[in-house]
Amino acid sequence: ANRSPEPLGDFVRRIRNEKGLSCTGVSKESARFGKRISASYVNRIENKRIKNPSTGRLKALAVSLPER
């Protein structure tokens, strides 16, 4: 089956929910590793209002959704 990749916003929401984090929680986690991303930015990614986040913001997002 040829599945299309999961949209970024859906992926972020799914992982955030799996980790039991709020958008604010993701924001706080991102600050531990440098560039903080705001809770509203996380929300805008999830709602597909931000289509192409910068590399720095993607890195901050990646480290703020840790494997636990």
N, C-alpha and C. Protein backbone atom coordinates (compact mmCIF):
# COMPACT_ATOMS: atom_id res chain seq x y z
N ALA A 1 0.84 -1.19 0.00
CA ALA A 1 0.00 0.00 0.00
C ALA A 1 0.88 1.24 0.00
N ASN A 2 0.56 2.17 -0.86
CA ASN A 2 1.32 3.41 -0.95
C ASN A 2 0.63 4.48 -0.12
N ARG A 3 1.11 4.64 1.11
CA ARG A 3 0.50 5.62 2.01
C ARG A 3 1.24 6.94 1.91
N SER A 4 0.49 8.02 1.91
CA SER A 4 1.15 9.33 1.94
C SER A 4 1.61 9.60 3.37
N PRO A 5 2.67 10.40 3.53
CA PRO A 5 3.15 10.67 4.88
C PRO A 5 2.12 11.42 5.71
N GLU A 6 2.18 11.20 7.00
CA GLU A 6 1.28 11.89 7.93
C GLU A 6 1.61 13.39 7.91
N PRO A 7 0.62 14.26 7.74
CA PRO A 7 0.91 15.70 7.77
C PRO A 7 1.56 16.09 9.09
N LEU A 8 2.47 17.07 9.04
CA LEU A 8 3.21 17.50 10.22
C LEU A 8 2.28 17.84 11.37
N GLY A 9 1.23 18.61 11.10
CA GLY A 9 0.32 19.02 12.17
C GLY A 9 -0.33 17.84 12.85
N ASP A 10 -0.73 16.84 12.07
CA ASP A 10 -1.36 15.64 12.64
C ASP A 10 -0.34 14.85 13.47
N PHE A 11 0.89 14.77 12.96
CA PHE A 11 1.96 14.06 13.66
C PHE A 11 2.24 14.72 15.02
N VAL A 12 2.39 16.06 15.00
CA VAL A 12 2.69 16.79 16.24
C VAL A 12 1.57 16.58 17.25
N ARG A 13 0.32 16.71 16.82
CA ARG A 13 -0.81 16.53 17.74
C ARG A 13 -0.83 15.11 18.30
N ARG A 14 -0.60 14.11 17.46
CA ARG A 14 -0.64 12.71 17.91
C ARG A 14 0.45 12.44 18.94
N ILE A 15 1.68 12.85 18.64
CA ILE A 15 2.78 12.60 19.57
C ILE A 15 2.58 13.38 20.86
N ARG A 16 2.15 14.63 20.74
CA ARG A 16 1.91 15.46 21.94
C ARG A 16 0.88 14.79 22.83
N ASN A 17 -0.20 14.30 22.24
CA ASN A 17 -1.24 13.63 23.02
C ASN A 17 -0.74 12.33 23.63
N GLU A 18 0.07 11.58 22.86
CA GLU A 18 0.64 10.33 23.38
C GLU A 18 1.53 10.60 24.59
N LYS A 19 2.22 11.73 24.58
CA LYS A 19 3.12 12.08 25.68
C LYS A 19 2.39 12.79 26.81
N GLY A 20 1.10 13.10 26.61
CA GLY A 20 0.33 13.77 27.65
C GLY A 20 0.75 15.22 27.85
N LEU A 21 1.23 15.86 26.79
CA LEU A 21 1.67 17.25 26.87
C LEU A 21 0.63 18.19 26.28
N SER A 22 0.47 19.34 26.90
CA SER A 22 -0.33 20.42 26.31
C SER A 22 0.57 21.19 25.35
N CYS A 23 -0.01 22.10 24.58
CA CYS A 23 0.82 22.97 23.73
C CYS A 23 1.78 23.77 24.60
N THR A 24 1.33 24.20 25.78
CA THR A 24 2.19 24.94 26.71
C THR A 24 3.32 24.04 27.20
N GLY A 25 3.00 22.77 27.45
CA GLY A 25 4.03 21.81 27.87
C GLY A 25 5.10 21.63 26.81
N VAL A 26 4.70 21.57 25.56
CA VAL A 26 5.66 21.46 24.45
C VAL A 26 6.54 22.72 24.42
N SER A 27 5.93 23.87 24.61
CA SER A 27 6.68 25.13 24.63
C SER A 27 7.73 25.12 25.74
N LYS A 28 7.34 24.70 26.94
CA LYS A 28 8.27 24.65 28.07
C LYS A 28 9.40 23.67 27.80
N GLU A 29 9.08 22.51 27.24
CA GLU A 29 10.10 21.51 26.92
C GLU A 29 11.09 22.07 25.89
N SER A 30 10.58 22.78 24.88
CA SER A 30 11.46 23.30 23.83
C SER A 30 12.47 24.28 24.39
N ALA A 31 12.11 25.03 25.42
CA ALA A 31 13.00 26.04 26.00
C ALA A 31 14.23 25.41 26.66
N ARG A 32 14.13 24.15 27.05
CA ARG A 32 15.25 23.47 27.69
C ARG A 32 16.41 23.24 26.73
N PHE A 33 16.15 23.33 25.44
CA PHE A 33 17.17 23.00 24.44
C PHE A 33 17.54 24.19 23.57
N GLY A 34 17.25 25.39 24.03
CA GLY A 34 17.63 26.55 23.23
C GLY A 34 16.42 27.37 22.82
N LYS A 35 16.12 27.38 21.53
CA LYS A 35 15.07 28.26 21.02
C LYS A 35 13.69 27.78 21.46
N ARG A 36 13.04 28.59 22.25
CA ARG A 36 11.69 28.24 22.72
C ARG A 36 10.69 28.52 21.61
N ILE A 37 9.76 27.60 21.43
CA ILE A 37 8.64 27.84 20.51
C ILE A 37 7.40 28.05 21.36
N SER A 38 6.58 28.99 20.97
CA SER A 38 5.41 29.33 21.78
C SER A 38 4.31 28.28 21.65
N ALA A 39 3.45 28.23 22.66
CA ALA A 39 2.30 27.32 22.62
C ALA A 39 1.41 27.65 21.42
N SER A 40 1.26 28.93 21.11
CA SER A 40 0.41 29.31 19.98
C SER A 40 1.03 28.86 18.66
N TYR A 41 2.38 28.84 18.59
CA TYR A 41 3.05 28.35 17.38
C TYR A 41 2.78 26.85 17.21
N VAL A 42 2.87 26.10 18.30
CA VAL A 42 2.56 24.66 18.26
C VAL A 42 1.13 24.47 17.76
N ASN A 43 0.21 25.25 18.31
CA ASN A 43 -1.19 25.16 17.92
C ASN A 43 -1.37 25.48 16.44
N ARG A 44 -0.66 26.49 15.95
CA ARG A 44 -0.78 26.86 14.53
C ARG A 44 -0.23 25.78 13.62
N ILE A 45 0.84 25.09 14.06
CA ILE A 45 1.34 23.95 13.27
C ILE A 45 0.28 22.85 13.23
N GLU A 46 -0.29 22.53 14.39
CA GLU A 46 -1.29 21.46 14.46
C GLU A 46 -2.52 21.77 13.60
N ASN A 47 -2.87 23.03 13.52
CA ASN A 47 -4.05 23.42 12.73
C ASN A 47 -3.70 23.80 11.30
N LYS A 48 -2.46 23.46 10.92
CA LYS A 48 -1.99 23.62 9.54
C LYS A 48 -2.02 25.06 9.05
N ARG A 49 -1.89 26.00 9.99
CA ARG A 49 -1.79 27.41 9.59
C ARG A 49 -0.35 27.79 9.33
N ILE A 50 0.60 26.97 9.82
CA ILE A 50 2.01 27.14 9.49
C ILE A 50 2.41 25.90 8.70
N LYS A 51 2.75 26.11 7.45
CA LYS A 51 3.01 24.99 6.55
C LYS A 51 4.49 24.61 6.48
N ASN A 52 5.39 25.60 6.59
CA ASN A 52 6.82 25.34 6.43
C ASN A 52 7.63 25.97 7.56
N PRO A 53 7.59 25.35 8.75
CA PRO A 53 8.37 25.91 9.85
C PRO A 53 9.87 25.86 9.55
N SER A 54 10.62 26.79 10.12
CA SER A 54 12.06 26.84 9.90
C SER A 54 12.73 25.60 10.50
N THR A 55 13.95 25.34 10.05
CA THR A 55 14.72 24.21 10.56
C THR A 55 14.91 24.32 12.07
N GLY A 56 15.21 25.53 12.53
CA GLY A 56 15.41 25.73 13.97
C GLY A 56 14.16 25.40 14.77
N ARG A 57 13.03 25.80 14.24
CA ARG A 57 11.78 25.51 14.96
C ARG A 57 11.44 24.03 14.90
N LEU A 58 11.75 23.38 13.79
CA LEU A 58 11.53 21.93 13.70
C LEU A 58 12.41 21.20 14.71
N LYS A 59 13.65 21.65 14.85
CA LYS A 59 14.55 21.02 15.83
C LYS A 59 14.02 21.21 17.24
N ALA A 60 13.55 22.42 17.55
CA ALA A 60 13.00 22.69 18.88
C ALA A 60 11.78 21.81 19.12
N LEU A 61 10.97 21.64 18.10
CA LEU A 61 9.78 20.79 18.22
C LEU A 61 10.19 19.34 18.44
N ALA A 62 11.21 18.89 17.71
CA ALA A 62 11.65 17.51 17.83
C ALA A 62 12.15 17.18 19.23
N VAL A 63 12.92 18.09 19.82
CA VAL A 63 13.45 17.81 21.14
C VAL A 63 12.41 18.01 22.24
N SER A 64 11.33 18.72 21.92
CA SER A 64 10.31 18.95 22.94
C SER A 64 9.26 17.86 22.99
N LEU A 65 9.34 16.92 22.05
CA LEU A 65 8.42 15.77 22.05
C LEU A 65 9.26 14.51 22.29
N PRO A 66 9.88 14.41 23.49
CA PRO A 66 10.84 13.35 23.73
C PRO A 66 10.20 11.98 23.84
N GLU A 67 10.99 10.97 23.51
CA GLU A 67 10.57 9.59 23.77
C GLU A 67 10.67 9.38 25.27
N ARG A 68 9.60 8.88 25.84
CA ARG A 68 9.63 8.66 27.30
C ARG A 68 9.37 7.21 27.59
